[in-house]
N, C-alpha and C. Protein backbone atom coordinates (compact mmCIF):
# COMPACT_ATOMS: atom_id res chain seq x y z
N UNK A 1 4.98 38.17 -8.30
CA UNK A 1 4.34 37.07 -8.36
C UNK A 1 4.83 35.98 -7.27
N UNK A 2 5.41 35.47 -7.23
CA UNK A 2 6.16 34.61 -6.61
C UNK A 2 6.21 34.95 -5.49
N UNK A 3 6.43 36.30 -4.52
CA UNK A 3 6.56 36.47 -2.96
C UNK A 3 4.91 36.63 -2.87
N UNK A 4 4.07 37.28 -3.98
CA UNK A 4 2.86 37.23 -3.82
C UNK A 4 2.22 35.95 -3.42
N UNK A 5 2.62 34.49 -3.92
CA UNK A 5 2.16 33.40 -3.54
C UNK A 5 2.69 32.66 -2.80
N UNK A 6 4.14 33.44 -2.47
CA UNK A 6 4.56 32.80 -1.02
C UNK A 6 4.19 33.65 0.24
N UNK A 7 3.67 34.40 0.35
CA UNK A 7 2.92 35.31 1.22
C UNK A 7 1.55 34.74 1.30
N UNK A 8 1.02 34.58 -0.05
CA UNK A 8 -0.35 33.57 0.56
C UNK A 8 -0.68 32.43 1.22
N UNK A 9 0.51 31.67 0.57
CA UNK A 9 1.05 30.40 0.81
C UNK A 9 1.37 30.36 2.45
N UNK A 10 1.89 31.40 2.89
CA UNK A 10 2.28 31.60 4.47
C UNK A 10 0.89 31.15 4.96
N UNK A 11 0.40 32.58 4.52
CA UNK A 11 -0.95 32.73 5.51
C UNK A 11 -1.96 31.32 5.60
N UNK A 12 -1.87 30.76 4.60
CA UNK A 12 -2.75 29.70 4.74
C UNK A 12 -1.88 28.75 5.36
N UNK A 13 -1.28 28.16 5.47
CA UNK A 13 0.03 27.67 6.18
C UNK A 13 -0.07 27.51 7.71
N UNK A 14 -0.03 29.00 7.48
CA UNK A 14 -0.35 29.16 8.97
C UNK A 14 -1.65 29.29 9.75
N UNK A 15 -2.49 29.30 8.67
CA UNK A 15 -4.14 28.95 9.03
C UNK A 15 -4.15 27.12 9.36
N UNK A 16 -3.86 26.55 8.40
CA UNK A 16 -3.39 25.34 8.41
C UNK A 16 -3.23 24.98 9.83
N UNK A 17 -1.85 25.09 10.53
CA UNK A 17 -1.02 25.35 11.56
C UNK A 17 -1.86 25.41 12.84
N UNK A 18 -2.21 26.74 12.57
CA UNK A 18 -3.52 27.19 13.96
C UNK A 18 -4.49 25.92 14.20
N UNK A 19 -5.11 25.95 13.23
CA UNK A 19 -6.19 24.68 13.02
C UNK A 19 -5.83 23.24 13.46
N UNK A 20 -4.86 22.80 13.41
CA UNK A 20 -4.29 21.53 13.87
C UNK A 20 -3.61 21.54 15.08
N UNK A 21 -3.00 22.83 15.62
CA UNK A 21 -2.90 23.33 16.88
C UNK A 21 -3.86 23.02 18.16
N UNK A 22 -4.81 23.62 17.63
CA UNK A 22 -6.19 24.01 18.02
C UNK A 22 -6.70 22.61 18.43
N UNK A 23 -6.66 21.75 17.68
CA UNK A 23 -7.56 20.39 17.60
C UNK A 23 -6.63 19.67 18.32
N UNK A 24 -5.02 19.69 18.53
CA UNK A 24 -4.54 18.42 19.43
C UNK A 24 -4.60 19.37 21.02
N UNK A 25 -4.62 20.94 21.18
CA UNK A 25 -4.77 21.41 22.47
C UNK A 25 -6.10 20.98 22.77
N UNK A 26 -7.46 20.79 22.29
CA UNK A 26 -8.70 20.91 22.60
C UNK A 26 -8.53 19.16 23.02
N UNK A 27 -8.00 18.51 22.15
CA UNK A 27 -7.82 17.11 22.72
C UNK A 27 -7.29 16.50 24.33
N UNK A 28 -5.99 17.72 24.28
CA UNK A 28 -5.56 17.70 25.47
C UNK A 28 -4.52 16.34 25.33
N UNK A 29 -4.50 15.49 26.60
CA UNK A 29 -3.83 13.88 27.13
C UNK A 29 -4.16 12.92 25.85
N UNK A 30 -5.39 13.07 25.71
CA UNK A 30 -6.37 12.38 24.15
C UNK A 30 -5.92 12.14 23.10
N UNK A 31 -5.09 13.39 23.02
CA UNK A 31 -4.41 13.62 21.41
C UNK A 31 -3.42 12.35 21.35
N UNK A 32 -3.16 11.73 20.27
CA UNK A 32 -1.95 10.30 20.10
C UNK A 32 -1.51 11.08 19.33
N UNK A 33 -0.99 12.47 18.58
CA UNK A 33 -0.08 13.33 18.45
C UNK A 33 0.20 14.37 18.96
N UNK A 34 1.70 14.67 19.38
CA UNK A 34 2.23 16.04 19.18
C UNK A 34 2.12 17.43 18.61
N UNK A 35 2.32 18.42 18.59
CA UNK A 35 2.43 19.26 17.10
C UNK A 35 4.04 19.28 16.45
N UNK A 36 4.75 18.91 17.30
CA UNK A 36 5.86 18.42 17.11
C UNK A 36 6.37 16.92 16.36
N UNK A 37 5.21 15.90 16.21
CA UNK A 37 5.40 14.79 15.90
C UNK A 37 4.52 14.89 14.62
N UNK A 38 3.57 15.83 15.13
CA UNK A 38 2.85 16.33 13.80
C UNK A 38 3.60 17.04 12.12
N UNK A 39 4.23 17.70 12.34
CA UNK A 39 5.54 18.37 12.00
C UNK A 39 6.50 17.31 11.44
N UNK A 40 6.88 16.51 12.40
CA UNK A 40 8.07 15.12 11.95
C UNK A 40 6.88 14.20 10.57
N UNK A 41 5.89 14.04 11.37
CA UNK A 41 4.68 13.16 10.04
C UNK A 41 4.69 13.78 8.67
N UNK A 42 4.37 15.03 8.93
CA UNK A 42 4.36 15.71 8.17
C UNK A 42 5.61 15.78 6.55
N UNK A 43 6.38 15.61 7.17
CA UNK A 43 8.07 15.88 6.56
C UNK A 43 7.86 14.26 6.03
N UNK A 44 7.78 13.31 6.80
CA UNK A 44 8.05 11.86 6.43
C UNK A 44 6.88 11.62 5.24
N UNK A 45 5.86 12.11 5.46
CA UNK A 45 5.05 11.12 4.08
C UNK A 45 4.85 12.65 3.10
N UNK A 46 5.14 13.64 2.80
CA UNK A 46 4.76 14.88 2.17
C UNK A 46 4.89 14.52 0.77
N UNK A 47 6.07 13.57 0.35
CA UNK A 47 6.43 12.96 -0.91
C UNK A 47 5.32 12.42 -1.58
N UNK A 48 4.69 11.65 -0.93
CA UNK A 48 3.35 10.82 -1.17
C UNK A 48 2.22 11.74 -1.45
N UNK A 49 2.21 12.50 -1.75
CA UNK A 49 1.15 13.69 -1.53
C UNK A 49 1.37 15.28 -2.38
N UNK A 50 2.49 14.99 -3.46
CA UNK A 50 3.16 15.77 -4.53
C UNK A 50 3.96 16.72 -3.39
N UNK A 51 4.61 16.49 -1.99
CA UNK A 51 5.41 17.58 -1.36
C UNK A 51 4.92 18.08 -0.89
N UNK A 52 3.53 17.97 -0.60
CA UNK A 52 3.15 18.99 0.31
C UNK A 52 3.25 18.51 1.95
N UNK A 53 3.90 19.50 2.59
CA UNK A 53 3.70 19.33 3.72
C UNK A 53 2.46 19.27 4.50
N UNK A 54 2.00 20.64 4.12
CA UNK A 54 0.56 21.56 4.70
C UNK A 54 -0.67 20.01 4.35
N UNK A 55 -0.22 19.73 3.24
CA UNK A 55 -1.50 18.56 2.88
C UNK A 55 -1.62 17.73 4.00
N UNK A 56 -0.47 17.19 4.49
CA UNK A 56 -0.08 16.33 5.24
C UNK A 56 -0.74 16.63 6.53
N UNK A 57 -0.43 17.32 7.04
CA UNK A 57 -0.87 18.64 8.14
C UNK A 57 -2.69 18.47 7.87
N UNK A 58 -3.03 18.74 6.92
CA UNK A 58 -4.83 18.87 7.10
C UNK A 58 -5.16 17.66 7.39
N UNK A 59 -4.58 16.48 6.85
CA UNK A 59 -5.07 15.06 6.59
C UNK A 59 -4.77 14.35 8.38
N UNK A 60 -3.78 14.92 9.32
CA UNK A 60 -3.63 14.54 10.43
C UNK A 60 -5.11 15.31 11.08
N UNK A 61 -5.25 16.77 10.85
CA UNK A 61 -6.26 17.03 11.39
C UNK A 61 -7.63 16.33 11.07
N UNK A 62 -8.02 15.69 10.08
CA UNK A 62 -9.14 14.87 9.62
C UNK A 62 -9.10 13.72 10.41
N UNK A 63 -8.05 13.15 10.66
CA UNK A 63 -7.90 12.13 10.95
C UNK A 63 -8.04 11.85 13.09
N UNK A 64 -7.87 13.13 13.13
CA UNK A 64 -7.78 13.82 14.70
C UNK A 64 -9.17 13.52 15.09
N UNK A 65 -10.18 13.67 14.35
CA UNK A 65 -11.31 13.93 14.69
C UNK A 65 -11.88 12.30 15.24
N UNK A 66 -11.41 11.36 14.73
CA UNK A 66 -11.76 9.84 15.02
C UNK A 66 -10.97 9.51 16.11
N UNK A 67 -11.64 9.05 17.29
CA UNK A 67 -10.56 8.81 18.68
C UNK A 67 -10.32 7.53 18.64
N UNK A 68 -10.87 6.65 17.55
CA UNK A 68 -10.44 5.10 18.20
C UNK A 68 -9.07 4.92 17.62
N UNK A 69 -8.53 5.99 16.88
CA UNK A 69 -7.19 5.94 16.37
C UNK A 69 -6.34 6.33 17.07
N UNK A 70 -5.29 5.12 17.48
CA UNK A 70 -4.32 5.33 18.19
C UNK A 70 -2.91 6.03 17.82
N UNK A 71 -1.64 6.36 18.85
CA UNK A 71 -0.46 6.83 18.11
C UNK A 71 0.08 5.93 17.59
N UNK A 72 0.10 4.42 17.79
CA UNK A 72 0.92 3.37 16.72
C UNK A 72 0.12 3.42 15.43
N UNK A 73 -1.17 3.80 15.52
CA UNK A 73 -1.95 3.33 13.60
C UNK A 73 -1.82 4.69 13.28
N UNK A 74 -1.47 5.74 13.99
CA UNK A 74 -1.64 7.48 13.54
C UNK A 74 -0.75 7.41 11.81
N UNK A 75 0.49 6.90 12.04
CA UNK A 75 1.11 6.90 10.75
C UNK A 75 1.09 6.08 9.80
N UNK A 76 0.38 4.80 9.98
CA UNK A 76 -0.24 3.94 8.86
C UNK A 76 -1.22 4.50 8.35
N UNK A 77 -2.14 5.55 8.94
CA UNK A 77 -3.01 5.98 8.59
C UNK A 77 -3.05 6.44 7.51
N UNK A 78 -2.34 8.02 7.51
CA UNK A 78 -1.56 8.71 6.71
C UNK A 78 -0.97 8.15 5.74
N UNK A 79 -0.22 7.31 5.93
CA UNK A 79 0.09 6.32 4.64
C UNK A 79 -0.75 5.83 3.78
N UNK A 80 -1.45 4.72 4.26
CA UNK A 80 -3.03 4.03 3.68
C UNK A 80 -3.58 5.46 3.13
N UNK A 81 -3.98 6.64 3.71
CA UNK A 81 -5.11 7.51 3.01
C UNK A 81 -4.18 8.00 2.09
N UNK A 82 -2.73 8.11 1.98
CA UNK A 82 -1.96 8.71 0.32
C UNK A 82 -2.07 7.94 -0.70
N UNK A 83 -2.67 6.35 -0.20
CA UNK A 83 -2.24 5.11 -1.65
C UNK A 83 -4.26 5.03 -1.53
N UNK A 84 -4.56 5.29 -0.76
CA UNK A 84 -5.95 5.32 -1.13
C UNK A 84 -6.49 6.53 -1.98
N UNK A 85 -6.09 7.53 -1.68
CA UNK A 85 -6.19 9.03 -2.32
C UNK A 85 -5.93 8.98 -3.98
N UNK A 86 -4.93 7.79 -4.00
CA UNK A 86 -4.47 7.75 -5.33
C UNK A 86 -5.53 6.44 -6.05
N UNK A 87 -6.00 5.78 -5.64
CA UNK A 87 -6.74 4.17 -5.72
C UNK A 87 -8.05 5.18 -6.40
N UNK A 88 -8.49 5.95 -5.14
CA UNK A 88 -10.20 6.50 -5.67
C UNK A 88 -10.42 7.81 -6.48
N UNK A 89 -8.96 8.32 -6.77
CA UNK A 89 -8.78 9.37 -7.48
C UNK A 89 -9.43 10.86 -6.96
N UNK A 90 -8.92 10.21 -5.26
CA UNK A 90 -9.52 11.45 -4.80
C UNK A 90 -8.54 12.63 -4.17
N UNK A 91 -8.65 13.34 -3.54
CA UNK A 91 -7.50 14.38 -2.91
C UNK A 91 -7.07 13.91 -1.50
N UNK A 92 -6.17 13.75 -1.25
CA UNK A 92 -5.69 13.22 -0.01
C UNK A 92 -6.38 13.25 1.28
N UNK A 93 -6.84 14.66 1.89
CA UNK A 93 -7.76 14.42 2.74
C UNK A 93 -8.70 13.94 2.50
N UNK A 94 -9.51 13.98 1.62
CA UNK A 94 -10.61 13.36 1.61
C UNK A 94 -11.05 11.65 1.84
N UNK A 95 -9.25 11.21 1.09
CA UNK A 95 -9.48 9.96 1.45
C UNK A 95 -9.15 9.80 2.91
N UNK A 96 -8.35 10.26 3.90
CA UNK A 96 -8.49 10.34 5.41
C UNK A 96 -9.47 10.52 5.98
N UNK A 97 -10.21 11.16 5.55
CA UNK A 97 -11.75 11.30 6.00
C UNK A 97 -12.00 10.02 6.28
N UNK A 98 -12.51 9.30 4.49
CA UNK A 98 -13.21 8.21 4.51
C UNK A 98 -12.42 7.12 4.77
N UNK A 99 -11.19 6.99 5.18
CA UNK A 99 -10.60 5.60 6.29
C UNK A 99 -10.61 5.79 7.34
N UNK A 100 -10.35 7.30 7.98
CA UNK A 100 -10.74 7.40 9.24
C UNK A 100 -11.78 7.23 10.34
N UNK A 101 -13.20 7.37 8.87
CA UNK A 101 -14.31 6.93 9.66
C UNK A 101 -14.59 5.49 9.23
N UNK A 102 -13.96 4.65 8.46
CA UNK A 102 -13.98 3.46 8.07
C UNK A 102 -13.57 2.62 10.03
N UNK A 103 -12.52 3.01 9.91
CA UNK A 103 -11.81 2.83 10.99
C UNK A 103 -12.41 2.81 12.58
N UNK A 104 -12.61 3.74 12.67
CA UNK A 104 -13.83 4.18 13.75
C UNK A 104 -14.93 3.43 13.79
N UNK A 105 -15.64 3.51 12.43
CA UNK A 105 -16.81 2.41 12.76
C UNK A 105 -16.90 1.22 13.30
N UNK A 106 -15.49 0.45 13.50
CA UNK A 106 -15.16 -0.76 13.43
C UNK A 106 -15.37 -1.13 14.76
N UNK A 107 -15.58 0.09 15.95
CA UNK A 107 -15.57 -0.59 16.95
C UNK A 107 -17.05 -0.65 17.25
N UNK A 108 -17.85 -0.25 16.48
CA UNK A 108 -19.48 -0.05 16.53
C UNK A 108 -20.15 -1.42 15.88
N UNK A 109 -20.00 -1.18 14.30
CA UNK A 109 -20.48 -2.21 13.49
C UNK A 109 -19.60 -3.09 13.02
N UNK A 110 -18.45 -3.29 13.58
CA UNK A 110 -17.48 -4.52 13.02
C UNK A 110 -17.00 -4.40 11.68
N UNK A 111 -17.36 -5.46 11.05
CA UNK A 111 -16.94 -5.53 9.57
C UNK A 111 -17.70 -4.41 8.30
N UNK A 112 -19.35 -4.33 9.28
CA UNK A 112 -20.16 -3.74 8.09
C UNK A 112 -19.49 -2.42 7.56
N UNK A 113 -18.79 -1.88 8.36
CA UNK A 113 -18.20 -0.38 7.54
C UNK A 113 -17.19 -0.90 6.59
N UNK A 114 -17.05 -1.95 6.66
CA UNK A 114 -15.89 -2.07 4.84
C UNK A 114 -16.24 -2.10 3.81
N UNK A 115 -17.76 -1.82 3.65
CA UNK A 115 -18.35 -1.88 3.04
C UNK A 115 -17.86 -0.92 1.94
N UNK A 116 -17.42 0.37 2.42
CA UNK A 116 -17.13 1.35 2.13
C UNK A 116 -16.23 1.66 1.60
N UNK A 117 -15.30 0.91 1.95
CA UNK A 117 -14.04 0.42 1.24
C UNK A 117 -13.80 -0.32 -0.35
N UNK A 118 -14.92 -1.02 -0.45
CA UNK A 118 -14.87 -1.39 -1.87
C UNK A 118 -15.24 -0.85 -3.15
N UNK A 119 -15.14 0.54 -2.95
CA UNK A 119 -14.95 0.84 -4.37
C UNK A 119 -13.55 1.32 -4.35
N UNK A 120 -12.70 1.04 -3.61
CA UNK A 120 -11.08 1.02 -3.70
C UNK A 120 -10.66 -0.44 -4.48
N UNK A 121 -11.93 -1.30 -4.11
CA UNK A 121 -11.01 -2.91 -4.86
C UNK A 121 -10.37 -3.42 -3.64
N UNK A 122 -10.55 -2.89 -2.39
CA UNK A 122 -10.12 -3.53 -1.27
C UNK A 122 -11.23 -5.29 -0.78
N UNK A 123 -10.86 -6.13 -1.21
CA UNK A 123 -11.36 -7.59 -1.15
C UNK A 123 -10.52 -8.05 0.32
N UNK A 124 -11.53 -8.18 1.54
CA UNK A 124 -11.06 -8.76 2.22
C UNK A 124 -11.23 -10.25 2.29
N UNK A 125 -10.51 -11.23 2.67
CA UNK A 125 -11.05 -12.68 2.77
C UNK A 125 -12.04 -12.95 3.89
N UNK A 126 -12.50 -14.32 3.67
CA UNK A 126 -13.13 -14.73 5.05
C UNK A 126 -12.55 -14.51 5.95
N UNK A 127 -11.54 -15.12 6.17
CA UNK A 127 -10.83 -15.31 6.90
C UNK A 127 -10.52 -13.95 8.11
N UNK A 128 -10.33 -12.85 7.13
CA UNK A 128 -10.01 -11.57 7.73
C UNK A 128 -10.94 -11.04 8.32
N UNK A 129 -11.90 -11.30 7.33
CA UNK A 129 -13.32 -10.61 8.17
C UNK A 129 -13.55 -11.22 9.60
N UNK A 130 -13.94 -12.48 9.62
CA UNK A 130 -13.98 -13.03 10.83
C UNK A 130 -12.85 -12.80 11.63
N UNK A 131 -11.79 -12.70 11.59
CA UNK A 131 -10.94 -12.39 12.63
C UNK A 131 -10.91 -10.83 13.14
N UNK A 132 -11.30 -9.80 12.13
CA UNK A 132 -11.52 -8.73 12.84
C UNK A 132 -12.73 -8.60 13.38
N UNK A 133 -13.73 -9.25 12.95
CA UNK A 133 -15.46 -9.55 13.69
C UNK A 133 -14.73 -9.79 15.12
N UNK A 134 -13.80 -10.92 15.72
CA UNK A 134 -13.55 -11.46 16.47
C UNK A 134 -13.36 -10.47 17.57
N UNK A 135 -12.02 -9.92 16.99
CA UNK A 135 -11.34 -8.93 17.67
C UNK A 135 -12.10 -7.58 18.35
N UNK A 136 -12.89 -7.21 17.63
CA UNK A 136 -14.02 -5.98 17.88
C UNK A 136 -14.85 -6.60 18.77
N UNK A 137 -15.26 -7.66 18.99
CA UNK A 137 -16.36 -8.45 20.15
C UNK A 137 -15.10 -8.41 21.22
N UNK A 138 -13.94 -8.64 20.58
CA UNK A 138 -13.10 -8.84 22.13
C UNK A 138 -12.93 -7.73 22.55
N UNK A 139 -13.04 -6.57 21.98
CA UNK A 139 -12.83 -5.05 22.79
C UNK A 139 -11.09 -4.75 21.91
N UNK A 140 -10.84 -5.44 21.02
CA UNK A 140 -9.03 -4.84 20.60
C UNK A 140 -9.48 -4.28 19.17
N UNK A 141 -10.04 -3.08 19.48
CA UNK A 141 -9.96 -2.52 18.23
C UNK A 141 -9.21 -1.96 17.41
N UNK A 142 -7.73 -1.77 18.11
CA UNK A 142 -6.47 -1.14 17.19
C UNK A 142 -6.15 -2.35 16.69
N UNK A 143 -5.86 -3.40 17.30
CA UNK A 143 -5.59 -5.16 16.30
C UNK A 143 -6.50 -4.94 15.28
N UNK A 144 -7.66 -4.96 15.25
CA UNK A 144 -9.01 -5.42 14.20
C UNK A 144 -8.26 -3.99 13.29
N UNK A 145 -8.45 -2.78 13.56
CA UNK A 145 -7.71 -1.93 12.47
C UNK A 145 -6.71 -2.03 11.46
N UNK A 146 -5.37 -2.76 12.89
CA UNK A 146 -4.35 -3.11 11.87
C UNK A 146 -4.27 -4.28 10.77
N UNK A 147 -5.60 -5.17 11.30
CA UNK A 147 -5.73 -6.18 10.13
C UNK A 147 -6.45 -5.77 8.95
N UNK A 148 -7.33 -4.47 9.32
CA UNK A 148 -7.74 -4.10 7.83
C UNK A 148 -6.52 -2.80 7.20
N UNK A 149 -5.85 -2.04 7.94
CA UNK A 149 -4.92 -1.71 6.95
C UNK A 149 -3.98 -2.85 6.64
N UNK A 150 -3.64 -3.98 6.92
CA UNK A 150 -2.93 -4.62 6.17
C UNK A 150 -3.65 -5.02 5.07
N UNK A 151 -4.61 -5.26 5.02
CA UNK A 151 -5.77 -6.07 3.60
C UNK A 151 -5.59 -4.60 2.98
N UNK A 152 -5.92 -3.18 3.51
CA UNK A 152 -5.86 -2.72 2.47
C UNK A 152 -4.60 -2.19 1.72
N UNK A 153 -3.34 -2.75 2.44
CA UNK A 153 -1.98 -2.24 1.77
C UNK A 153 -2.01 -3.47 1.04
N UNK A 154 -2.35 -4.63 1.09
CA UNK A 154 -2.20 -5.63 -0.14
C UNK A 154 -3.06 -5.10 -1.11
N UNK A 155 -3.91 -4.18 -1.22
CA UNK A 155 -4.55 -4.07 -2.18
C UNK A 155 -4.30 -2.54 -3.03
N UNK A 156 -3.56 -1.46 -2.34
CA UNK A 156 -3.38 0.02 -2.65
C UNK A 156 -1.71 0.30 -2.43
N UNK A 157 -1.16 -0.78 -1.33
CA UNK A 157 0.18 -0.07 -1.17
C UNK A 157 0.98 0.11 -2.04
N UNK A 158 1.51 1.18 -2.09
CA UNK A 158 2.63 1.96 -3.26
C UNK A 158 1.91 2.84 -4.10
N UNK A 159 0.81 2.42 -4.20
CA UNK A 159 0.19 3.64 -5.28
C UNK A 159 0.80 4.76 -5.34
N UNK A 160 0.54 5.60 -4.10
CA UNK A 160 1.25 7.07 -4.19
C UNK A 160 2.65 6.95 -4.25
N UNK A 161 3.30 6.08 -3.56
CA UNK A 161 4.85 6.38 -4.08
C UNK A 161 5.35 6.26 -5.51
N UNK A 162 4.45 5.18 -6.60
CA UNK A 162 4.83 5.10 -7.07
C UNK A 162 4.28 5.87 -8.44
N UNK A 163 3.04 6.55 -7.79
CA UNK A 163 2.51 7.92 -8.49
C UNK A 163 3.79 9.27 -8.50
N UNK A 164 4.46 9.13 -7.09
CA UNK A 164 5.49 10.33 -6.68
C UNK A 164 6.69 10.03 -7.71
N UNK A 165 6.70 8.73 -8.04
CA UNK A 165 8.08 8.18 -8.99
C UNK A 165 7.94 8.79 -10.41
N UNK A 166 6.86 8.99 -10.73
CA UNK A 166 6.76 9.66 -12.27
C UNK A 166 7.17 10.87 -12.84
N UNK A 167 7.06 11.23 -13.91
CA UNK A 167 7.63 12.22 -13.89
C UNK A 167 7.00 13.17 -13.87
N UNK A 168 5.43 13.47 -13.85
CA UNK A 168 4.32 14.37 -13.11
C UNK A 168 4.54 14.51 -11.61
N UNK A 169 5.18 13.03 -11.09
CA UNK A 169 4.75 13.48 -9.88
C UNK A 169 5.98 14.13 -9.21
N UNK A 170 7.37 13.74 -10.08
CA UNK A 170 8.36 14.52 -9.68
C UNK A 170 8.53 15.83 -9.75
N UNK A 171 7.60 16.23 -10.83
CA UNK A 171 7.45 17.94 -11.29
C UNK A 171 6.61 18.44 -10.11
N UNK A 172 5.74 17.69 -9.33
CA UNK A 172 4.74 18.34 -8.37
C UNK A 172 5.66 18.37 -7.22
N UNK A 173 6.31 17.40 -6.99
CA UNK A 173 7.18 17.47 -6.09
C UNK A 173 8.77 19.00 -6.14
N UNK A 174 8.79 19.10 -7.20
CA UNK A 174 9.63 20.03 -7.71
C UNK A 174 9.01 21.27 -7.42
N UNK A 175 7.80 21.82 -7.80
CA UNK A 175 7.01 22.83 -8.03
C UNK A 175 6.86 22.99 -6.19
N UNK A 176 6.17 21.78 -5.64
CA UNK A 176 5.85 22.43 -4.37
C UNK A 176 7.25 22.54 -3.42
N UNK A 177 8.07 21.94 -3.36
CA UNK A 177 9.63 22.48 -3.13
C UNK A 177 10.00 23.61 -3.37
N UNK A 178 9.93 24.04 -4.45
CA UNK A 178 10.05 25.74 -4.66
C UNK A 178 9.19 26.59 -4.08
N UNK A 179 7.87 26.57 -4.12
CA UNK A 179 6.72 27.14 -3.06
C UNK A 179 6.92 27.24 -1.67
N UNK A 180 7.56 25.90 -1.34
CA UNK A 180 7.54 25.97 0.08
C UNK A 180 8.87 26.79 0.52
N UNK A 181 9.78 26.83 -0.19
CA UNK A 181 10.96 27.78 -0.09
C UNK A 181 10.45 29.09 -0.02
N UNK A 182 9.67 29.19 -0.54
CA UNK A 182 9.10 30.90 -0.40
C UNK A 182 8.28 31.42 0.43
N UNK A 183 7.40 30.17 0.88
CA UNK A 183 6.93 29.81 1.65
C UNK A 183 7.16 30.04 3.23
N UNK A 184 8.37 29.56 3.10
CA UNK A 184 9.39 29.23 4.58
C UNK A 184 9.94 31.00 4.72
N UNK A 185 9.95 31.70 3.70
CA UNK A 185 10.91 32.77 3.88
C UNK A 185 9.49 34.04 4.32
N UNK A 186 8.54 33.85 3.57
CA UNK A 186 7.08 34.60 3.91
C UNK A 186 7.18 34.45 5.42
N UNK A 187 7.03 33.17 5.72
CA UNK A 187 6.41 32.69 7.58
C UNK A 187 7.33 33.75 8.38
N UNK A 188 8.58 33.54 7.86
CA UNK A 188 9.36 34.80 8.67
C UNK A 188 9.24 35.64 8.66
N UNK A 189 8.23 36.59 8.00
CA UNK A 189 8.13 38.03 7.96
C UNK A 189 6.90 38.21 8.23
N UNK A 190 6.34 36.95 8.28
CA UNK A 190 4.59 37.54 8.92
C UNK A 190 4.44 38.13 10.33
N UNK A 191 5.37 37.81 11.22
CA UNK A 191 5.23 38.31 12.59
C UNK A 191 5.70 40.32 12.73
N UNK A 192 7.02 40.26 12.01
CA UNK A 192 7.08 41.53 12.17
C UNK A 192 6.10 42.48 11.46
N UNK A 193 5.45 42.08 10.24
CA UNK A 193 4.76 42.31 9.43
C UNK A 193 3.65 42.56 9.83
N UNK A 194 2.69 41.75 10.68
CA UNK A 194 1.83 42.01 11.38
C UNK A 194 2.39 42.88 12.44
N UNK A 195 3.01 42.81 13.11
CA UNK A 195 3.32 43.92 14.12
C UNK A 195 3.20 45.48 13.54
N UNK A 196 3.38 45.72 12.48
CA UNK A 196 3.95 46.51 11.73
C UNK A 196 2.71 47.46 11.62
N UNK A 197 1.63 46.45 11.03
CA UNK A 197 0.01 46.30 10.34
C UNK A 197 -1.11 47.24 11.41
N UNK A 198 -0.32 46.65 13.07
CA UNK A 198 -0.71 46.98 13.95
C UNK A 198 -0.55 47.91 14.45
N UNK A 199 0.49 48.88 13.97
CA UNK A 199 0.81 50.04 14.38
C UNK A 199 0.58 51.20 13.57
N UNK A 200 0.63 50.63 11.98
CA UNK A 200 0.43 51.49 11.02
C UNK A 200 -1.32 51.40 10.56
N UNK A 201 -2.13 50.65 10.57
CA UNK A 201 -3.74 50.54 10.27
C UNK A 201 -4.48 50.95 11.24
N UNK A 202 -3.94 51.44 12.53
CA UNK A 202 -4.86 52.42 13.30
C UNK A 202 -5.23 53.88 12.76
N UNK A 203 -3.85 54.57 12.44
CA UNK A 203 -3.06 55.34 11.73
C UNK A 203 -3.88 55.65 10.61
N UNK A 204 -3.78 54.66 9.17
CA UNK A 204 -4.09 55.00 8.27
C UNK A 204 -5.61 54.65 7.79
N UNK A 205 -6.74 53.66 8.64
CA UNK A 205 -7.76 53.27 8.45
C UNK A 205 -8.72 55.31 8.78
N UNK A 206 -8.03 55.80 9.78
CA UNK A 206 -8.99 56.84 10.10
C UNK A 206 -8.79 58.64 8.88
N UNK A 207 -7.47 58.15 8.29
CA UNK A 207 -6.90 59.06 7.27
C UNK A 207 -8.13 58.59 6.13
N UNK A 208 -7.98 57.25 5.39
CA UNK A 208 -8.63 56.87 4.29
C UNK A 208 -9.76 57.16 4.47
N UNK A 209 -10.65 57.05 5.55
CA UNK A 209 -11.86 57.39 5.71
C UNK A 209 -12.56 58.40 5.22
N UNK A 210 -11.60 59.20 6.34
CA UNK A 210 -12.00 60.86 5.97
C UNK A 210 -11.89 61.25 4.99
N UNK A 211 -10.41 61.00 4.15
CA UNK A 211 -10.27 61.46 2.74
C UNK A 211 -11.92 60.87 1.89
N UNK A 212 -12.55 59.55 1.94
CA UNK A 212 -13.35 59.06 1.74
C UNK A 212 -14.51 60.03 1.76
């Protein structure tokens, strides 16, 4: 069962990596991250999402949809999305989509998009709202995003880390670590198995078809 799960996990992980690589390649010079940086960020933040680097890679693929999120802001969005996921009781990828959309929309409707975060209990002061609006009007969208992320941090910061520190959180990380170990071994075996399949299947399929 462990071997079967490892191969299944490896195939799914490779699919996620291929998807993210495709997104980065498609964006070209406009991509705020490289695939190497994506792996580094996945390693850095994986314990905030149950120990799964695959989840962090999927979060990054979602964040890449929003071209207003800069290289400097990118890591903060991952971290705050993990906290937001705990606050909203949703999965981290969905939280990344919600936060990414809000940050993207700051450039078009200013503080209007912030209402989407109120479900998480994010309360901006009147001064912060005025500051964000002023920055957006001045074309300083990245600075406006950082003000919003600061406000979000005051409300939800540390929730993912606190969750990871519980017994249940530690157990999830442990299980994911074991799964990743098997997945890593299976990853190494996928290329030769693929090559073997490419050679064997063309011979076997006609035989099976003929017998049928």
